[in-house]
Amino acid sequence: MNDLTISHLQSLLPRTDTPNPNSSEDASETPFSDYIKQSIEEVNDKMLEADLAIDDLVTGKNQDIHKTMIAMQKADVSFELVMQIRNKIISAYDEIRRMTI
């Protein structure tokens, strides 16, 4: 359950400290894309863990249905979060595209 606390989510967000002047990369572009990549990788890991837990339950390696259900629910919630972020990004893009110059 520690994965769903606010403090854990805050550690995943990009830091808002002053940008490094020695960095040649655009500070407004890189952290967000890295955050998205990291989020997708974490969701994929949770989905793989849920698949493994289901396989273990079906084959009899693991008899604990509660841990299997928790793993499935974590994967589902993580996937829903990423889908909502994607929907918000698409909505923001559409709104920007409709703006007149």
PDB file of N, CA and C in Angstrom:
ATOM      1  N   MET A   1       0.806  -1.196   0.000  1.00  0.00           N
ATOM      2  CA  MET A   1       0.000   0.000   0.000  1.00  0.00           C
ATOM      3  C   MET A   1       0.850   1.262   0.000  1.00  0.00           C
ATOM      4  N   ASN A   2       2.117   1.144   0.255  1.00  0.00           N
ATOM      5  CA  ASN A   2       2.993   2.293   0.310  1.00  0.00           C
ATOM      6  C   ASN A   2       3.128   2.961  -1.057  1.00  0.00           C
ATOM      7  N   ASP A   3       2.838   2.230  -2.145  1.00  0.00           N
ATOM      8  CA  ASP A   3       2.954   2.786  -3.486  1.00  0.00           C
ATOM      9  C   ASP A   3       1.936   3.880  -3.751  1.00  0.00           C
ATOM     10  N   LEU A   4       0.828   3.911  -3.017  1.00  0.00           N
ATOM     11  CA  LEU A   4      -0.257   4.828  -3.317  1.00  0.00           C
ATOM     12  C   LEU A   4      -0.275   6.060  -2.425  1.00  0.00           C
ATOM     13  N   THR A   5       0.770   6.302  -1.644  1.00  0.00           N
ATOM     14  CA  THR A   5       0.778   7.460  -0.768  1.00  0.00           C
ATOM     15  C   THR A   5       1.190   8.710  -1.534  1.00  0.00           C
ATOM     16  N   ILE A   6       0.798   9.863  -1.010  1.00  0.00           N
ATOM     17  CA  ILE A   6       1.108  11.145  -1.642  1.00  0.00           C
ATOM     18  C   ILE A   6       2.613  11.360  -1.695  1.00  0.00           C
ATOM     19  N   SER A   7       3.326  11.010  -0.652  1.00  0.00           N
ATOM     20  CA  SER A   7       4.767  11.235  -0.635  1.00  0.00           C
ATOM     21  C   SER A   7       5.463  10.432  -1.727  1.00  0.00           C
ATOM     22  N   HIS A   8       4.949   9.236  -2.030  1.00  0.00           N
ATOM     23  CA  HIS A   8       5.539   8.448  -3.110  1.00  0.00           C
ATOM     24  C   HIS A   8       5.271   9.108  -4.458  1.00  0.00           C
ATOM     25  N   LEU A   9       4.078   9.627  -4.644  1.00  0.00           N
ATOM     26  CA  LEU A   9       3.754  10.290  -5.907  1.00  0.00           C
ATOM     27  C   LEU A   9       4.575  11.556  -6.091  1.00  0.00           C
ATOM     28  N   GLN A  10       4.827  12.289  -5.007  1.00  0.00           N
ATOM     29  CA  GLN A  10       5.615  13.510  -5.110  1.00  0.00           C
ATOM     30  C   GLN A  10       7.052  13.209  -5.492  1.00  0.00           C
ATOM     31  N   SER A  11       7.563  12.064  -5.095  1.00  0.00           N
ATOM     32  CA  SER A  11       8.938  11.726  -5.455  1.00  0.00           C
ATOM     33  C   SER A  11       9.061  11.401  -6.935  1.00  0.00           C
ATOM     34  N   LEU A  12       7.956  11.062  -7.609  1.00  0.00           N
ATOM     35  CA  LEU A  12       7.982  10.763  -9.030  1.00  0.00           C
ATOM     36  C   LEU A  12       7.926  12.016  -9.894  1.00  0.00           C
ATOM     37  N   LEU A  13       7.407  13.093  -9.329  1.00  0.00           N
ATOM     38  CA  LEU A  13       7.274  14.326 -10.106  1.00  0.00           C
ATOM     39  C   LEU A  13       8.635  14.963 -10.335  1.00  0.00           C
ATOM     40  N   PRO A  14       8.790  15.671 -11.459  1.00  0.00           N
ATOM     41  CA  PRO A  14      10.066  16.338 -11.715  1.00  0.00           C
ATOM     42  C   PRO A  14      10.300  17.444 -10.689  1.00  0.00           C
ATOM     43  N   ARG A  15      11.543  17.637 -10.329  1.00  0.00           N
ATOM     44  CA  ARG A  15      11.895  18.666  -9.365  1.00  0.00           C
ATOM     45  C   ARG A  15      11.729  20.038 -10.012  1.00  0.00           C
ATOM     46  N   THR A  16      11.321  21.007  -9.203  1.00  0.00           N
ATOM     47  CA  THR A  16      11.108  22.358  -9.716  1.00  0.00           C
ATOM     48  C   THR A  16      12.210  23.305  -9.273  1.00  0.00           C
ATOM     49  N   ASP A  17      13.371  22.771  -8.916  1.00  0.00           N
ATOM     50  CA  ASP A  17      14.501  23.613  -8.542  1.00  0.00           C
ATOM     51  C   ASP A  17      14.959  24.408  -9.750  1.00  0.00           C
ATOM     52  N   THR A  18      15.863  25.334  -9.513  1.00  0.00           N
ATOM     53  CA  THR A  18      16.381  26.127 -10.616  1.00  0.00           C
ATOM     54  C   THR A  18      17.128  25.223 -11.574  1.00  0.00           C
ATOM     55  N   PRO A  19      16.970  25.460 -12.883  1.00  0.00           N
ATOM     56  CA  PRO A  19      17.643  24.594 -13.855  1.00  0.00           C
ATOM     57  C   PRO A  19      19.152  24.766 -13.803  1.00  0.00           C
ATOM     58  N   ASN A  20      19.837  23.718 -14.189  1.00  0.00           N
ATOM     59  CA  ASN A  20      21.290  23.723 -14.226  1.00  0.00           C
ATOM     60  C   ASN A  20      21.754  24.549 -15.419  1.00  0.00           C
ATOM     61  N   PRO A  21      22.537  25.627 -15.206  1.00  0.00           N
ATOM     62  CA  PRO A  21      22.967  26.452 -16.331  1.00  0.00           C
ATOM     63  C   PRO A  21      23.924  25.727 -17.270  1.00  0.00           C
ATOM     64  N   ASN A  22      24.562  24.650 -16.810  1.00  0.00           N
ATOM     65  CA  ASN A  22      25.490  23.901 -17.653  1.00  0.00           C
ATOM     66  C   ASN A  22      24.775  22.916 -18.561  1.00  0.00           C
ATOM     67  N   SER A  23      23.494  22.722 -18.339  1.00  0.00           N
ATOM     68  CA  SER A  23      22.724  21.771 -19.132  1.00  0.00           C
ATOM     69  C   SER A  23      22.412  22.360 -20.490  1.00  0.00           C
ATOM     70  N   SER A  24      22.673  21.577 -21.547  1.00  0.00           N
ATOM     71  CA  SER A  24      22.410  22.054 -22.898  1.00  0.00           C
ATOM     72  C   SER A  24      21.010  21.705 -23.359  1.00  0.00           C
ATOM     73  N   GLU A  25      20.293  20.873 -22.583  1.00  0.00           N
ATOM     74  CA  GLU A  25      18.961  20.460 -22.963  1.00  0.00           C
ATOM     75  C   GLU A  25      17.934  21.497 -22.525  1.00  0.00           C
ATOM     76  N   ASP A  26      16.816  21.540 -23.218  1.00  0.00           N
ATOM     77  CA  ASP A  26      15.731  22.431 -22.874  1.00  0.00           C
ATOM     78  C   ASP A  26      15.050  21.906 -21.616  1.00  0.00           C
ATOM     79  N   ALA A  27      15.054  22.700 -20.551  1.00  0.00           N
ATOM     80  CA  ALA A  27      14.545  22.257 -19.257  1.00  0.00           C
ATOM     81  C   ALA A  27      13.034  22.033 -19.268  1.00  0.00           C
ATOM     82  N   SER A  28      12.312  22.734 -20.123  1.00  0.00           N
ATOM     83  CA  SER A  28      10.859  22.585 -20.132  1.00  0.00           C
ATOM     84  C   SER A  28      10.414  21.335 -20.884  1.00  0.00           C
ATOM     85  N   GLU A  29      11.272  20.740 -21.681  1.00  0.00           N
ATOM     86  CA  GLU A  29      10.894  19.605 -22.509  1.00  0.00           C
ATOM     87  C   GLU A  29      11.309  18.272 -21.908  1.00  0.00           C
ATOM     88  N   THR A  30      12.504  18.158 -21.451  1.00  0.00           N
ATOM     89  CA  THR A  30      13.057  16.883 -21.024  1.00  0.00           C
ATOM     90  C   THR A  30      12.416  16.292 -19.775  1.00  0.00           C
ATOM     91  N   PRO A  31      12.237  17.026 -18.686  1.00  0.00           N
ATOM     92  CA  PRO A  31      11.697  16.385 -17.481  1.00  0.00           C
ATOM     93  C   PRO A  31      10.301  15.800 -17.681  1.00  0.00           C
ATOM     94  N   PHE A  32       9.448  16.461 -18.435  1.00  0.00           N
ATOM     95  CA  PHE A  32       8.102  15.941 -18.624  1.00  0.00           C
ATOM     96  C   PHE A  32       8.126  14.657 -19.443  1.00  0.00           C
ATOM     97  N   SER A  33       8.916  14.631 -20.491  1.00  0.00           N
ATOM     98  CA  SER A  33       8.997  13.414 -21.306  1.00  0.00           C
ATOM     99  C   SER A  33       9.622  12.279 -20.504  1.00  0.00           C
ATOM    100  N   ASP A  34      10.615  12.596 -19.680  1.00  0.00           N
ATOM    101  CA  ASP A  34      11.200  11.565 -18.823  1.00  0.00           C
ATOM    102  C   ASP A  34      10.173  11.052 -17.818  1.00  0.00           C
ATOM    103  N   TYR A  35       9.359  11.951 -17.288  1.00  0.00           N
ATOM    104  CA  TYR A  35       8.319  11.557 -16.344  1.00  0.00           C
ATOM    105  C   TYR A  35       7.313  10.622 -17.019  1.00  0.00           C
ATOM    106  N   ILE A  36       6.930  10.952 -18.232  1.00  0.00           N
ATOM    107  CA  ILE A  36       5.966  10.119 -18.959  1.00  0.00           C
ATOM    108  C   ILE A  36       6.567   8.741 -19.238  1.00  0.00           C
ATOM    109  N   LYS A  37       7.817   8.713 -19.702  1.00  0.00           N
ATOM    110  CA  LYS A  37       8.477   7.428 -19.974  1.00  0.00           C
ATOM    111  C   LYS A  37       8.567   6.581 -18.708  1.00  0.00           C
ATOM    112  N   GLN A  38       8.952   7.218 -17.614  1.00  0.00           N
ATOM    113  CA  GLN A  38       9.079   6.503 -16.347  1.00  0.00           C
ATOM    114  C   GLN A  38       7.720   5.974 -15.896  1.00  0.00           C
ATOM    115  N   SER A  39       6.682   6.780 -16.056  1.00  0.00           N
ATOM    116  CA  SER A  39       5.343   6.353 -15.664  1.00  0.00           C
ATOM    117  C   SER A  39       4.878   5.156 -16.481  1.00  0.00           C
ATOM    118  N   ILE A  40       5.123   5.195 -17.780  1.00  0.00           N
ATOM    119  CA  ILE A  40       4.724   4.085 -18.641  1.00  0.00           C
ATOM    120  C   ILE A  40       5.495   2.822 -18.279  1.00  0.00           C
ATOM    121  N   GLU A  41       6.777   2.964 -17.980  1.00  0.00           N
ATOM    122  CA  GLU A  41       7.571   1.803 -17.584  1.00  0.00           C
ATOM    123  C   GLU A  41       7.054   1.205 -16.271  1.00  0.00           C
ATOM    124  N   GLU A  42       6.682   2.071 -15.325  1.00  0.00           N
ATOM    125  CA  GLU A  42       6.162   1.578 -14.046  1.00  0.00           C
ATOM    126  C   GLU A  42       4.819   0.873 -14.229  1.00  0.00           C
ATOM    127  N   VAL A  43       3.977   1.416 -15.089  1.00  0.00           N
ATOM    128  CA  VAL A  43       2.687   0.771 -15.354  1.00  0.00           C
ATOM    129  C   VAL A  43       2.923  -0.585 -16.005  1.00  0.00           C
ATOM    130  N   ASN A  44       3.850  -0.636 -16.939  1.00  0.00           N
ATOM    131  CA  ASN A  44       4.167  -1.909 -17.587  1.00  0.00           C
ATOM    132  C   ASN A  44       4.676  -2.925 -16.566  1.00  0.00           C
ATOM    133  N   ASP A  45       5.538  -2.483 -15.661  1.00  0.00           N
ATOM    134  CA  ASP A  45       6.050  -3.383 -14.623  1.00  0.00           C
ATOM    135  C   ASP A  45       4.914  -3.910 -13.743  1.00  0.00           C
ATOM    136  N   LYS A  46       3.989  -3.022 -13.365  1.00  0.00           N
ATOM    137  CA  LYS A  46       2.870  -3.455 -12.521  1.00  0.00           C
ATOM    138  C   LYS A  46       1.963  -4.433 -13.269  1.00  0.00           C
ATOM    139  N   MET A  47       1.779  -4.216 -14.565  1.00  0.00           N
ATOM    140  CA  MET A  47       0.953  -5.137 -15.346  1.00  0.00           C
ATOM    141  C   MET A  47       1.638  -6.497 -15.490  1.00  0.00           C
ATOM    142  N   LEU A  48       2.956  -6.485 -15.659  1.00  0.00           N
ATOM    143  CA  LEU A  48       3.693  -7.749 -15.737  1.00  0.00           C
ATOM    144  C   LEU A  48       3.649  -8.495 -14.402  1.00  0.00           C
ATOM    145  N   GLU A  49       3.746  -7.745 -13.295  1.00  0.00           N
ATOM    146  CA  GLU A  49       3.644  -8.361 -11.973  1.00  0.00           C
ATOM    147  C   GLU A  49       2.261  -8.982 -11.775  1.00  0.00           C
ATOM    148  N   ALA A  50       1.227  -8.284 -12.230  1.00  0.00           N
ATOM    149  CA  ALA A  50      -0.132  -8.819 -12.101  1.00  0.00           C
ATOM    150  C   ALA A  50      -0.285 -10.077 -12.950  1.00  0.00           C
ATOM    151  N   ASP A  51       0.255 -10.067 -14.163  1.00  0.00           N
ATOM    152  CA  ASP A  51       0.188 -11.266 -15.014  1.00  0.00           C
ATOM    153  C   ASP A  51       0.910 -12.442 -14.364  1.00  0.00           C
ATOM    154  N   LEU A  52       2.072 -12.169 -13.777  1.00  0.00           N
ATOM    155  CA  LEU A  52       2.822 -13.225 -13.102  1.00  0.00           C
ATOM    156  C   LEU A  52       2.054 -13.759 -11.891  1.00  0.00           C
ATOM    157  N   ALA A  53       1.417 -12.842 -11.144  1.00  0.00           N
ATOM    158  CA  ALA A  53       0.637 -13.269  -9.985  1.00  0.00           C
ATOM    159  C   ALA A  53      -0.547 -14.135 -10.421  1.00  0.00           C
ATOM    160  N   ILE A  54      -1.181 -13.770 -11.532  1.00  0.00           N
ATOM    161  CA  ILE A  54      -2.299 -14.575 -12.049  1.00  0.00           C
ATOM    162  C   ILE A  54      -1.801 -15.947 -12.490  1.00  0.00           C
ATOM    163  N   ASP A  55      -0.680 -15.982 -13.203  1.00  0.00           N
ATOM    164  CA  ASP A  55      -0.118 -17.262 -13.643  1.00  0.00           C
ATOM    165  C   ASP A  55       0.238 -18.147 -12.449  1.00  0.00           C
ATOM    166  N   ASP A  56       0.830 -17.541 -11.413  1.00  0.00           N
ATOM    167  CA  ASP A  56       1.193 -18.308 -10.219  1.00  0.00           C
ATOM    168  C   ASP A  56      -0.044 -18.852  -9.513  1.00  0.00           C
ATOM    169  N   LEU A  57      -1.112 -18.070  -9.493  1.00  0.00           N
ATOM    170  CA  LEU A  57      -2.339 -18.533  -8.859  1.00  0.00           C
ATOM    171  C   LEU A  57      -2.974 -19.668  -9.648  1.00  0.00           C
ATOM    172  N   VAL A  58      -2.989 -19.544 -10.959  1.00  0.00           N
ATOM    173  CA  VAL A  58      -3.612 -20.563 -11.806  1.00  0.00           C
ATOM    174  C   VAL A  58      -2.824 -21.872 -11.775  1.00  0.00           C
ATOM    175  N   THR A  59      -1.505 -21.773 -11.777  1.00  0.00           N
ATOM    176  CA  THR A  59      -0.679 -22.980 -11.792  1.00  0.00           C
ATOM    177  C   THR A  59      -0.502 -23.597 -10.410  1.00  0.00           C
ATOM    178  N   GLY A  60      -0.930 -22.888  -9.360  1.00  0.00           N
ATOM    179  CA  GLY A  60      -0.847 -23.437  -8.014  1.00  0.00           C
ATOM    180  C   GLY A  60       0.437 -23.090  -7.283  1.00  0.00           C
ATOM    181  N   LYS A  61       1.304 -22.282  -7.891  1.00  0.00           N
ATOM    182  CA  LYS A  61       2.538 -21.885  -7.199  1.00  0.00           C
ATOM    183  C   LYS A  61       2.239 -20.979  -6.015  1.00  0.00           C
ATOM    184  N   ASN A  62       1.176 -20.208  -6.128  1.00  0.00           N
ATOM    185  CA  ASN A  62       0.787 -19.293  -5.068  1.00  0.00           C
ATOM    186  C   ASN A  62      -0.691 -19.521  -4.761  1.00  0.00           C
ATOM    187  N   GLN A  63      -1.016 -19.683  -3.506  1.00  0.00           N
ATOM    188  CA  GLN A  63      -2.406 -19.926  -3.101  1.00  0.00           C
ATOM    189  C   GLN A  63      -3.079 -18.664  -2.565  1.00  0.00           C
ATOM    190  N   ASP A  64      -2.363 -17.552  -2.504  1.00  0.00           N
ATOM    191  CA  ASP A  64      -2.892 -16.332  -1.904  1.00  0.00           C
ATOM    192  C   ASP A  64      -3.618 -15.490  -2.952  1.00  0.00           C
ATOM    193  N   ILE A  65      -4.932 -15.602  -2.964  1.00  0.00           N
ATOM    194  CA  ILE A  65      -5.727 -14.862  -3.948  1.00  0.00           C
ATOM    195  C   ILE A  65      -5.751 -13.367  -3.627  1.00  0.00           C
ATOM    196  N   HIS A  66      -5.558 -13.010  -2.365  1.00  0.00           N
ATOM    197  CA  HIS A  66      -5.590 -11.603  -1.973  1.00  0.00           C
ATOM    198  C   HIS A  66      -4.438 -10.828  -2.600  1.00  0.00           C
ATOM    199  N   LYS A  67      -3.236 -11.396  -2.566  1.00  0.00           N
ATOM    200  CA  LYS A  67      -2.093 -10.723  -3.181  1.00  0.00           C
ATOM    201  C   LYS A  67      -2.263 -10.618  -4.688  1.00  0.00           C
ATOM    202  N   THR A  68      -2.874 -11.619  -5.273  1.00  0.00           N
ATOM    203  CA  THR A  68      -3.137 -11.584  -6.720  1.00  0.00           C
ATOM    204  C   THR A  68      -4.110 -10.463  -7.057  1.00  0.00           C
ATOM    205  N   MET A  69      -5.170 -10.363  -6.280  1.00  0.00           N
ATOM    206  CA  MET A  69      -6.166  -9.314  -6.519  1.00  0.00           C
ATOM    207  C   MET A  69      -5.578  -7.925  -6.280  1.00  0.00           C
ATOM    208  N   ILE A  70      -4.730  -7.784  -5.282  1.00  0.00           N
ATOM    209  CA  ILE A  70      -4.087  -6.496  -5.016  1.00  0.00           C
ATOM    210  C   ILE A  70      -3.164  -6.124  -6.171  1.00  0.00           C
ATOM    211  N   ALA A  71      -2.403  -7.081  -6.673  1.00  0.00           N
ATOM    212  CA  ALA A  71      -1.525  -6.811  -7.813  1.00  0.00           C
ATOM    213  C   ALA A  71      -2.324  -6.401  -9.043  1.00  0.00           C
ATOM    214  N   MET A  72      -3.454  -7.068  -9.265  1.00  0.00           N
ATOM    215  CA  MET A  72      -4.312  -6.714 -10.397  1.00  0.00           C
ATOM    216  C   MET A  72      -4.895  -5.310 -10.231  1.00  0.00           C
ATOM    217  N   GLN A  73      -5.302  -4.975  -9.016  1.00  0.00           N
ATOM    218  CA  GLN A  73      -5.894  -3.656  -8.776  1.00  0.00           C
ATOM    219  C   GLN A  73      -4.848  -2.554  -8.920  1.00  0.00           C
ATOM    220  N   LYS A  74      -3.624  -2.789  -8.448  1.00  0.00           N
ATOM    221  CA  LYS A  74      -2.550  -1.802  -8.622  1.00  0.00           C
ATOM    222  C   LYS A  74      -2.279  -1.557 -10.102  1.00  0.00           C
ATOM    223  N   ALA A  75      -2.250  -2.622 -10.876  1.00  0.00           N
ATOM    224  CA  ALA A  75      -2.023  -2.483 -12.317  1.00  0.00           C
ATOM    225  C   ALA A  75      -3.163  -1.713 -12.967  1.00  0.00           C
ATOM    226  N   ASP A  76      -4.388  -1.997 -12.560  1.00  0.00           N
ATOM    227  CA  ASP A  76      -5.551  -1.316 -13.132  1.00  0.00           C
ATOM    228  C   ASP A  76      -5.546   0.169 -12.800  1.00  0.00           C
ATOM    229  N   VAL A  77      -5.284   0.507 -11.541  1.00  0.00           N
ATOM    230  CA  VAL A  77      -5.266   1.912 -11.133  1.00  0.00           C
ATOM    231  C   VAL A  77      -4.132   2.660 -11.836  1.00  0.00           C
ATOM    232  N   SER A  78      -2.972   2.041 -11.951  1.00  0.00           N
ATOM    233  CA  SER A  78      -1.851   2.677 -12.643  1.00  0.00           C
ATOM    234  C   SER A  78      -2.174   2.919 -14.112  1.00  0.00           C
ATOM    235  N   PHE A  79      -2.799   1.946 -14.740  1.00  0.00           N
ATOM    236  CA  PHE A  79      -3.167   2.088 -16.151  1.00  0.00           C
ATOM    237  C   PHE A  79      -4.207   3.190 -16.331  1.00  0.00           C
ATOM    238  N   GLU A  80      -5.191   3.246 -15.456  1.00  0.00           N
ATOM    239  CA  GLU A  80      -6.215   4.290 -15.536  1.00  0.00           C
ATOM    240  C   GLU A  80      -5.591   5.675 -15.361  1.00  0.00           C
ATOM    241  N   LEU A  81      -4.622   5.805 -14.465  1.00  0.00           N
ATOM    242  CA  LEU A  81      -3.949   7.082 -14.256  1.00  0.00           C
ATOM    243  C   LEU A  81      -3.219   7.523 -15.519  1.00  0.00           C
ATOM    244  N   VAL A  82      -2.495   6.619 -16.136  1.00  0.00           N
ATOM    245  CA  VAL A  82      -1.774   6.955 -17.364  1.00  0.00           C
ATOM    246  C   VAL A  82      -2.756   7.310 -18.480  1.00  0.00           C
ATOM    247  N   MET A  83      -3.869   6.619 -18.556  1.00  0.00           N
ATOM    248  CA  MET A  83      -4.862   6.939 -19.585  1.00  0.00           C
ATOM    249  C   MET A  83      -5.470   8.321 -19.352  1.00  0.00           C
ATOM    250  N   GLN A  84      -5.712   8.692 -18.115  1.00  0.00           N
ATOM    251  CA  GLN A  84      -6.247  10.017 -17.828  1.00  0.00           C
ATOM    252  C   GLN A  84      -5.229  11.108 -18.145  1.00  0.00           C
ATOM    253  N   ILE A  85      -3.965  10.845 -17.874  1.00  0.00           N
ATOM    254  CA  ILE A  85      -2.915  11.804 -18.237  1.00  0.00           C
ATOM    255  C   ILE A  85      -2.869  11.958 -19.750  1.00  0.00           C
ATOM    256  N   ARG A  86      -2.967  10.845 -20.473  1.00  0.00           N
ATOM    257  CA  ARG A  86      -2.976  10.906 -21.938  1.00  0.00           C
ATOM    258  C   ARG A  86      -4.170  11.703 -22.433  1.00  0.00           C
ATOM    259  N   ASN A  87      -5.334  11.485 -21.855  1.00  0.00           N
ATOM    260  CA  ASN A  87      -6.527  12.220 -22.265  1.00  0.00           C
ATOM    261  C   ASN A  87      -6.385  13.715 -22.018  1.00  0.00           C
ATOM    262  N   LYS A  88      -5.787  14.083 -20.888  1.00  0.00           N
ATOM    263  CA  LYS A  88      -5.580  15.502 -20.587  1.00  0.00           C
ATOM    264  C   LYS A  88      -4.586  16.127 -21.556  1.00  0.00           C
ATOM    265  N   ILE A  89      -3.548  15.395 -21.911  1.00  0.00           N
ATOM    266  CA  ILE A  89      -2.565  15.916 -22.868  1.00  0.00           C
ATOM    267  C   ILE A  89      -3.213  16.124 -24.230  1.00  0.00           C
ATOM    268  N   ILE A  90      -4.007  15.178 -24.666  1.00  0.00           N
ATOM    269  CA  ILE A  90      -4.687  15.310 -25.962  1.00  0.00           C
ATOM    270  C   ILE A  90      -5.675  16.464 -25.919  1.00  0.00           C
ATOM    271  N   SER A  91      -6.385  16.614 -24.827  1.00  0.00           N
ATOM    272  CA  SER A  91      -7.331  17.715 -24.691  1.00  0.00           C
ATOM    273  C   SER A  91      -6.614  19.071 -24.722  1.00  0.00           C
ATOM    274  N   ALA A  92      -5.489  19.164 -24.028  1.00  0.00           N
ATOM    275  CA  ALA A  92      -4.721  20.407 -24.037  1.00  0.00           C
ATOM    276  C   ALA A  92      -4.184  20.703 -25.434  1.00  0.00           C
ATOM    277  N   TYR A  93      -3.719  19.686 -26.135  1.00  0.00           N
ATOM    278  CA  TYR A  93      -3.230  19.865 -27.500  1.00  0.00           C
ATOM    279  C   TYR A  93      -4.345  20.356 -28.416  1.00  0.00           C
ATOM    280  N   ASP A  94      -5.526  19.760 -28.306  1.00  0.00           N
ATOM    281  CA  ASP A  94      -6.655  20.180 -29.134  1.00  0.00           C
ATOM    282  C   ASP A  94      -7.053  21.622 -28.840  1.00  0.00           C
ATOM    283  N   GLU A  95      -7.005  21.998 -27.570  1.00  0.00           N
ATOM    284  CA  GLU A  95      -7.357  23.373 -27.206  1.00  0.00           C
ATOM    285  C   GLU A  95      -6.335  24.354 -27.758  1.00  0.00           C
ATOM    286  N   ILE A  96      -5.081  24.019 -27.688  1.00  0.00           N
ATOM    287  CA  ILE A  96      -4.035  24.891 -28.243  1.00  0.00           C
ATOM    288  C   ILE A  96      -4.178  24.986 -29.751  1.00  0.00           C
ATOM    289  N   ARG A  97      -4.491  23.873 -30.392  1.00  0.00           N
ATOM    290  CA  ARG A  97      -4.641  23.871 -31.836  1.00  0.00           C
ATOM    291  C   ARG A  97      -5.801  24.742 -32.303  1.00  0.00           C
ATOM    292  N   ARG A  98      -6.861  24.840 -31.501  1.00  0.00           N
ATOM    293  CA  ARG A  98      -8.021  25.634 -31.873  1.00  0.00           C
ATOM    294  C   ARG A  98      -7.822  27.124 -31.635  1.00  0.00           C
ATOM    295  N   MET A  99      -6.778  27.501 -30.928  1.00  0.00           N
ATOM    296  CA  MET A  99      -6.543  28.923 -30.641  1.00  0.00           C
ATOM    297  C   MET A  99      -6.231  29.672 -31.935  1.00  0.00           C
ATOM    298  N   THR A 100      -6.753  30.886 -32.014  1.00  0.00           N
ATOM    299  CA  THR A 100      -6.427  31.728 -33.161  1.00  0.00           C
ATOM    300  C   THR A 100      -5.231  32.601 -32.818  1.00  0.00           C
ATOM    301  N   ILE A 101      -4.441  32.831 -33.820  1.00  0.00           N
ATOM    302  CA  ILE A 101      -3.213  33.626 -33.616  1.00  0.00           C
ATOM    303  C   ILE A 101      -3.439  35.063 -33.999  1.00  0.00           C
TER     304      ILE A 101
END
